[in-house]
Amino acid sequence: MSYDISLYLSVDTGGPEPLEVCVASIGNYTVNVARMWTDALGHSLGDLKDANAGDSLPALTAAVDRLIANPEHYRAMEPANGWGDYDGALAYLRALRDACLVHPKADIRIWH
């Protein structure tokens, strides 16, 4: 299993439903590193589903900072099966944070 994350913006085109536009695709990464993300965020990455990107920035920035500041703590959480690692978990969370910086009015969509 993996997390697949994108940022979407709702656009009112005057039609019956708003148009959902994907403004950033973070891609996917294995859930085997979810323990690292949960530790760094203070909650599950999945809890950001449908959250506003701008509102999520403080938590994402703090989590990236925690991962960078304490790599050995997080490397100890690397899955024994080798599917996912600290470097990939950090890169994925950093990519999400960076996309939220660029698109603060978007909503975070998560599939897993």
C-alpha atoms as a PDB file:
ATOM      1  CA  MET A   1       0.000   0.000   0.000  1.00  0.00           C
ATOM      2  CA  SER A   2       1.040   3.568  -0.535  1.00  0.00           C
ATOM      3  CA  TYR A   3      -0.078   7.120  -0.063  1.00  0.00           C
ATOM      4  CA  ASP A   4      -0.905   8.955  -3.299  1.00  0.00           C
ATOM      5  CA  ILE A   5      -1.202  12.704  -2.725  1.00  0.00           C
ATOM      6  CA  SER A   6      -2.240  15.577  -4.983  1.00  0.00           C
ATOM      7  CA  LEU A   7      -3.377  19.151  -4.424  1.00  0.00           C
ATOM      8  CA  TYR A   8      -6.664  20.234  -5.970  1.00  0.00           C
ATOM      9  CA  LEU A   9      -8.263  23.609  -6.422  1.00  0.00           C
ATOM     10  CA  SER A  10     -12.013  24.062  -6.838  1.00  0.00           C
ATOM     11  CA  VAL A  11     -12.885  26.546  -9.574  1.00  0.00           C
ATOM     12  CA  ASP A  12     -16.369  28.013  -9.969  1.00  0.00           C
ATOM     13  CA  THR A  13     -16.985  27.960 -13.714  1.00  0.00           C
ATOM     14  CA  GLY A  14     -20.661  28.842 -13.393  1.00  0.00           C
ATOM     15  CA  GLY A  15     -21.714  25.256 -14.009  1.00  0.00           C
ATOM     16  CA  PRO A  16     -23.703  23.067 -11.622  1.00  0.00           C
ATOM     17  CA  GLU A  17     -20.554  21.777  -9.894  1.00  0.00           C
ATOM     18  CA  PRO A  18     -17.193  23.444  -9.324  1.00  0.00           C
ATOM     19  CA  LEU A  19     -14.363  22.226 -11.500  1.00  0.00           C
ATOM     20  CA  GLU A  20     -11.682  20.331  -9.563  1.00  0.00           C
ATOM     21  CA  VAL A  21      -8.250  21.118 -10.989  1.00  0.00           C
ATOM     22  CA  CYS A  22      -5.121  19.208  -9.961  1.00  0.00           C
ATOM     23  CA  VAL A  23      -2.456  21.850  -9.337  1.00  0.00           C
ATOM     24  CA  ALA A  24       0.250  19.536  -7.949  1.00  0.00           C
ATOM     25  CA  SER A  25       0.850  15.806  -7.920  1.00  0.00           C
ATOM     26  CA  ILE A  26       3.154  14.671  -5.147  1.00  0.00           C
ATOM     27  CA  GLY A  27       3.015  11.086  -6.396  1.00  0.00           C
ATOM     28  CA  ASN A  28       2.982   8.074  -4.138  1.00  0.00           C
ATOM     29  CA  TYR A  29       5.165   6.605  -1.452  1.00  0.00           C
ATOM     30  CA  THR A  30       4.914   3.480   0.653  1.00  0.00           C
ATOM     31  CA  VAL A  31       2.946   3.435   3.906  1.00  0.00           C
ATOM     32  CA  ASN A  32       5.812   1.474   5.443  1.00  0.00           C
ATOM     33  CA  VAL A  33       7.299   4.805   6.592  1.00  0.00           C
ATOM     34  CA  ALA A  34       4.020   6.066   8.072  1.00  0.00           C
ATOM     35  CA  ARG A  35       5.471   5.706  11.577  1.00  0.00           C
ATOM     36  CA  MET A  36       8.117   8.324  10.727  1.00  0.00           C
ATOM     37  CA  TRP A  37       5.529  10.756   9.380  1.00  0.00           C
ATOM     38  CA  THR A  38       3.249  10.234  12.365  1.00  0.00           C
ATOM     39  CA  ASP A  39       6.097  10.840  14.782  1.00  0.00           C
ATOM     40  CA  ALA A  40       7.224  13.982  12.949  1.00  0.00           C
ATOM     41  CA  LEU A  41       3.720  15.400  12.379  1.00  0.00           C
ATOM     42  CA  GLY A  42       2.193  14.404  15.699  1.00  0.00           C
ATOM     43  CA  HIS A  43      -0.670  12.771  13.785  1.00  0.00           C
ATOM     44  CA  SER A  44      -1.181  10.502  10.797  1.00  0.00           C
ATOM     45  CA  LEU A  45      -0.333  11.840   7.344  1.00  0.00           C
ATOM     46  CA  GLY A  46      -3.785  10.589   6.371  1.00  0.00           C
ATOM     47  CA  ASP A  47      -5.295  13.147   8.749  1.00  0.00           C
ATOM     48  CA  LEU A  48      -4.398  15.817   6.173  1.00  0.00           C
ATOM     49  CA  LYS A  49      -6.939  14.371   3.722  1.00  0.00           C
ATOM     50  CA  ASP A  50      -9.111  17.209   2.379  1.00  0.00           C
ATOM     51  CA  ALA A  51      -7.247  19.766   4.521  1.00  0.00           C
ATOM     52  CA  ASN A  52      -6.416  23.200   3.167  1.00  0.00           C
ATOM     53  CA  ALA A  53      -2.800  23.377   1.985  1.00  0.00           C
ATOM     54  CA  GLY A  54      -2.106  26.761   3.581  1.00  0.00           C
ATOM     55  CA  ASP A  55      -3.579  25.698   6.902  1.00  0.00           C
ATOM     56  CA  SER A  56      -1.400  22.559   6.826  1.00  0.00           C
ATOM     57  CA  LEU A  57       1.853  24.437   6.254  1.00  0.00           C
ATOM     58  CA  PRO A  58       2.819  24.965   9.920  1.00  0.00           C
ATOM     59  CA  ALA A  59       2.512  21.254  10.736  1.00  0.00           C
ATOM     60  CA  LEU A  60       4.267  20.167   7.532  1.00  0.00           C
ATOM     61  CA  THR A  61       7.111  22.651   8.014  1.00  0.00           C
ATOM     62  CA  ALA A  62       7.610  21.564  11.615  1.00  0.00           C
ATOM     63  CA  ALA A  63       7.578  17.895  10.581  1.00  0.00           C
ATOM     64  CA  VAL A  64      10.173  18.435   7.851  1.00  0.00           C
ATOM     65  CA  ASP A  65      12.317  20.339  10.350  1.00  0.00           C
ATOM     66  CA  ARG A  66      12.011  17.478  12.884  1.00  0.00           C
ATOM     67  CA  LEU A  67      13.018  14.902  10.290  1.00  0.00           C
ATOM     68  CA  ILE A  68      16.051  16.963   9.261  1.00  0.00           C
ATOM     69  CA  ALA A  69      17.106  17.712  12.841  1.00  0.00           C
ATOM     70  CA  ASN A  70      17.053  14.109  14.032  1.00  0.00           C
ATOM     71  CA  PRO A  71      17.884  11.737  11.166  1.00  0.00           C
ATOM     72  CA  GLU A  72      19.146   8.900  13.374  1.00  0.00           C
ATOM     73  CA  HIS A  73      15.879   8.859  15.323  1.00  0.00           C
ATOM     74  CA  TYR A  74      13.944   8.446  12.077  1.00  0.00           C
ATOM     75  CA  ARG A  75      16.421   6.089  10.380  1.00  0.00           C
ATOM     76  CA  ALA A  76      15.809   3.726  13.318  1.00  0.00           C
ATOM     77  CA  MET A  77      12.175   3.562  12.126  1.00  0.00           C
ATOM     78  CA  GLU A  78      13.048   2.397   8.610  1.00  0.00           C
ATOM     79  CA  PRO A  79      11.025  -0.687   7.701  1.00  0.00           C
ATOM     80  CA  ALA A  80      12.858  -3.992   7.997  1.00  0.00           C
ATOM     81  CA  ASN A  81      11.454  -5.128   4.634  1.00  0.00           C
ATOM     82  CA  GLY A  82      13.405  -2.354   2.853  1.00  0.00           C
ATOM     83  CA  TRP A  83      10.299  -0.810   1.307  1.00  0.00           C
ATOM     84  CA  GLY A  84      10.843   2.863   2.037  1.00  0.00           C
ATOM     85  CA  ASP A  85      13.488   4.702   3.984  1.00  0.00           C
ATOM     86  CA  TYR A  86      14.264   7.922   5.827  1.00  0.00           C
ATOM     87  CA  ASP A  87      15.513   9.732   2.728  1.00  0.00           C
ATOM     88  CA  GLY A  88      12.401   8.871   0.730  1.00  0.00           C
ATOM     89  CA  ALA A  89      10.062   9.745   3.607  1.00  0.00           C
ATOM     90  CA  LEU A  90      11.754  13.125   4.023  1.00  0.00           C
ATOM     91  CA  ALA A  91      11.728  13.854   0.283  1.00  0.00           C
ATOM     92  CA  TYR A  92       8.029  12.989   0.016  1.00  0.00           C
ATOM     93  CA  LEU A  93       7.016  15.130   3.003  1.00  0.00           C
ATOM     94  CA  ARG A  94       9.212  17.983   1.762  1.00  0.00           C
ATOM     95  CA  ALA A  95       7.573  17.767  -1.688  1.00  0.00           C
ATOM     96  CA  LEU A  96       4.129  18.001  -0.063  1.00  0.00           C
ATOM     97  CA  ARG A  97       5.228  20.968   2.056  1.00  0.00           C
ATOM     98  CA  ASP A  98       6.719  22.726  -0.973  1.00  0.00           C
ATOM     99  CA  ALA A  99       3.562  22.195  -3.056  1.00  0.00           C
ATOM    100  CA  CYS A 100       1.483  23.625  -0.209  1.00  0.00           C
ATOM    101  CA  LEU A 101       3.750  26.696  -0.186  1.00  0.00           C
ATOM    102  CA  VAL A 102       3.115  27.232  -3.903  1.00  0.00           C
ATOM    103  CA  HIS A 103      -0.633  26.455  -3.769  1.00  0.00           C
ATOM    104  CA  PRO A 104      -1.896  27.524  -0.307  1.00  0.00           C
ATOM    105  CA  LYS A 105      -5.538  27.762  -1.435  1.00  0.00           C
ATOM    106  CA  ALA A 106      -5.629  24.186  -2.702  1.00  0.00           C
ATOM    107  CA  ASP A 107      -6.942  21.174  -0.814  1.00  0.00           C
ATOM    108  CA  ILE A 108      -4.874  18.075  -0.077  1.00  0.00           C
ATOM    109  CA  ARG A 109      -6.283  14.889  -1.578  1.00  0.00           C
ATOM    110  CA  ILE A 110      -4.961  11.584  -0.280  1.00  0.00           C
ATOM    111  CA  TRP A 111      -5.630   8.094  -1.577  1.00  0.00           C
ATOM    112  CA  HIS A 112      -4.255   4.951   0.020  1.00  0.00           C
END
